[in-house]
């Protein structure tokens, strides 16, 4: 059973369909960034309620770091694709 702060298989499939090259493309950097962004949103909402949950905060920081590395890779590879991705996901350009 998935944690309510994680994302479901259906949400993951929808993100793969939207950001992937095809239905089985779960490994591309764009899809991984989209999945991480959804998990980060869920954990951020959790931390708004549970301010002292430092274990979750540490996990959130690790996810943010992982997403940042993937975004850096995408930006180095193709700047236009990077700009389109951050616009779709609604995240800031701070890399």
Protein backbone atom coordinates (compact mmCIF):
# COMPACT_ATOMS: atom_id res chain seq x y z
CA UNK A 1 0.00 0.00 0.00
CA UNK A 2 1.35 3.42 -0.94
CA UNK A 3 1.82 6.11 1.65
CA UNK A 4 -0.59 9.01 1.25
CA UNK A 5 2.40 11.36 0.85
CA UNK A 6 3.83 9.24 -1.92
CA UNK A 7 2.15 9.00 -5.30
CA UNK A 8 -0.05 6.22 -6.61
CA UNK A 9 0.64 4.00 -9.59
CA UNK A 10 -2.14 5.79 -11.46
CA UNK A 11 -0.55 9.19 -10.86
CA UNK A 12 2.83 7.83 -11.95
CA UNK A 13 1.31 6.37 -15.12
CA UNK A 14 -0.36 9.71 -15.90
CA UNK A 15 2.95 11.55 -15.45
CA UNK A 16 4.75 9.03 -17.68
CA UNK A 17 2.08 9.47 -20.32
CA UNK A 18 2.33 13.28 -20.17
CA UNK A 19 6.10 13.74 -19.95
CA UNK A 20 7.49 10.52 -21.46
CA UNK A 21 8.28 9.66 -25.04
CA UNK A 22 5.96 6.64 -24.87
CA UNK A 23 3.96 4.60 -22.33
CA UNK A 24 6.99 2.66 -21.03
CA UNK A 25 9.36 5.65 -20.75
CA UNK A 26 9.71 5.86 -16.98
CA UNK A 27 13.46 6.40 -16.98
CA UNK A 28 13.93 9.61 -18.93
CA UNK A 29 15.04 12.63 -16.93
CA UNK A 30 11.87 14.58 -17.76
CA UNK A 31 9.61 11.86 -16.34
CA UNK A 32 11.78 11.47 -13.25
CA UNK A 33 11.64 15.23 -12.62
CA UNK A 34 7.84 15.19 -12.98
CA UNK A 35 7.48 12.29 -10.52
CA UNK A 36 9.88 13.90 -8.04
CA UNK A 37 8.00 17.20 -8.32
CA UNK A 38 4.72 15.51 -7.42
CA UNK A 39 6.32 13.78 -4.42
CA UNK A 40 7.88 17.08 -3.33
CA UNK A 41 4.48 18.81 -3.50
CA UNK A 42 2.92 16.09 -1.33
CA UNK A 43 5.68 16.25 1.27
CA UNK A 44 5.56 20.05 1.35
CA UNK A 45 1.84 19.91 2.17
CA UNK A 46 2.57 17.37 4.92
CA UNK A 47 5.26 19.61 6.42
CA UNK A 48 2.92 22.61 6.49
CA UNK A 49 0.82 20.69 9.02
CA UNK A 50 3.60 18.77 10.82
CA UNK A 51 6.26 21.45 11.25
CA UNK A 52 8.50 19.41 13.57
CA UNK A 53 8.71 16.31 11.37
CA UNK A 54 12.43 16.55 10.70
CA UNK A 55 12.76 13.02 9.32
CA UNK A 56 10.38 13.87 6.51
CA UNK A 57 12.10 17.24 6.02
CA UNK A 58 15.41 15.47 5.45
CA UNK A 59 13.80 13.15 2.90
CA UNK A 60 12.29 16.17 1.18
CA UNK A 61 15.70 17.83 0.94
CA UNK A 62 17.16 14.68 -0.61
CA UNK A 63 14.36 14.62 -3.21
CA UNK A 64 14.93 18.29 -4.00
CA UNK A 65 18.64 17.64 -4.49
CA UNK A 66 17.95 14.72 -6.79
CA UNK A 67 15.49 16.78 -8.84
CA UNK A 68 17.98 19.63 -9.02
CA UNK A 69 20.65 17.32 -10.45
CA UNK A 70 18.27 15.97 -13.07
CA UNK A 71 17.19 19.50 -14.02
CA UNK A 72 20.83 20.53 -14.36
CA UNK A 73 21.39 17.58 -16.71
CA UNK A 74 18.37 18.55 -18.83
CA UNK A 75 19.47 22.20 -18.92
CA UNK A 76 22.97 21.26 -20.13
CA UNK A 77 21.52 18.93 -22.77
CA UNK A 78 18.77 21.14 -24.20
CA UNK A 79 17.93 24.57 -22.79
CA UNK A 80 14.61 24.88 -24.67
CA UNK A 81 13.40 21.51 -23.38
CA UNK A 82 14.41 22.59 -19.86
CA UNK A 83 12.45 25.85 -20.07
CA UNK A 84 9.38 24.05 -21.37
CA UNK A 85 9.58 21.45 -18.59
CA UNK A 86 9.85 23.94 -15.72
CA UNK A 87 7.01 25.96 -17.21
CA UNK A 88 4.78 22.85 -17.38
CA UNK A 89 5.65 21.83 -13.83
CA UNK A 90 5.38 25.33 -12.41
CA UNK A 91 8.80 25.36 -10.76
CA UNK A 92 11.35 28.18 -10.64
CA UNK A 93 14.53 28.39 -12.68
CA UNK A 94 17.19 28.48 -9.98
CA UNK A 95 19.90 26.32 -11.53
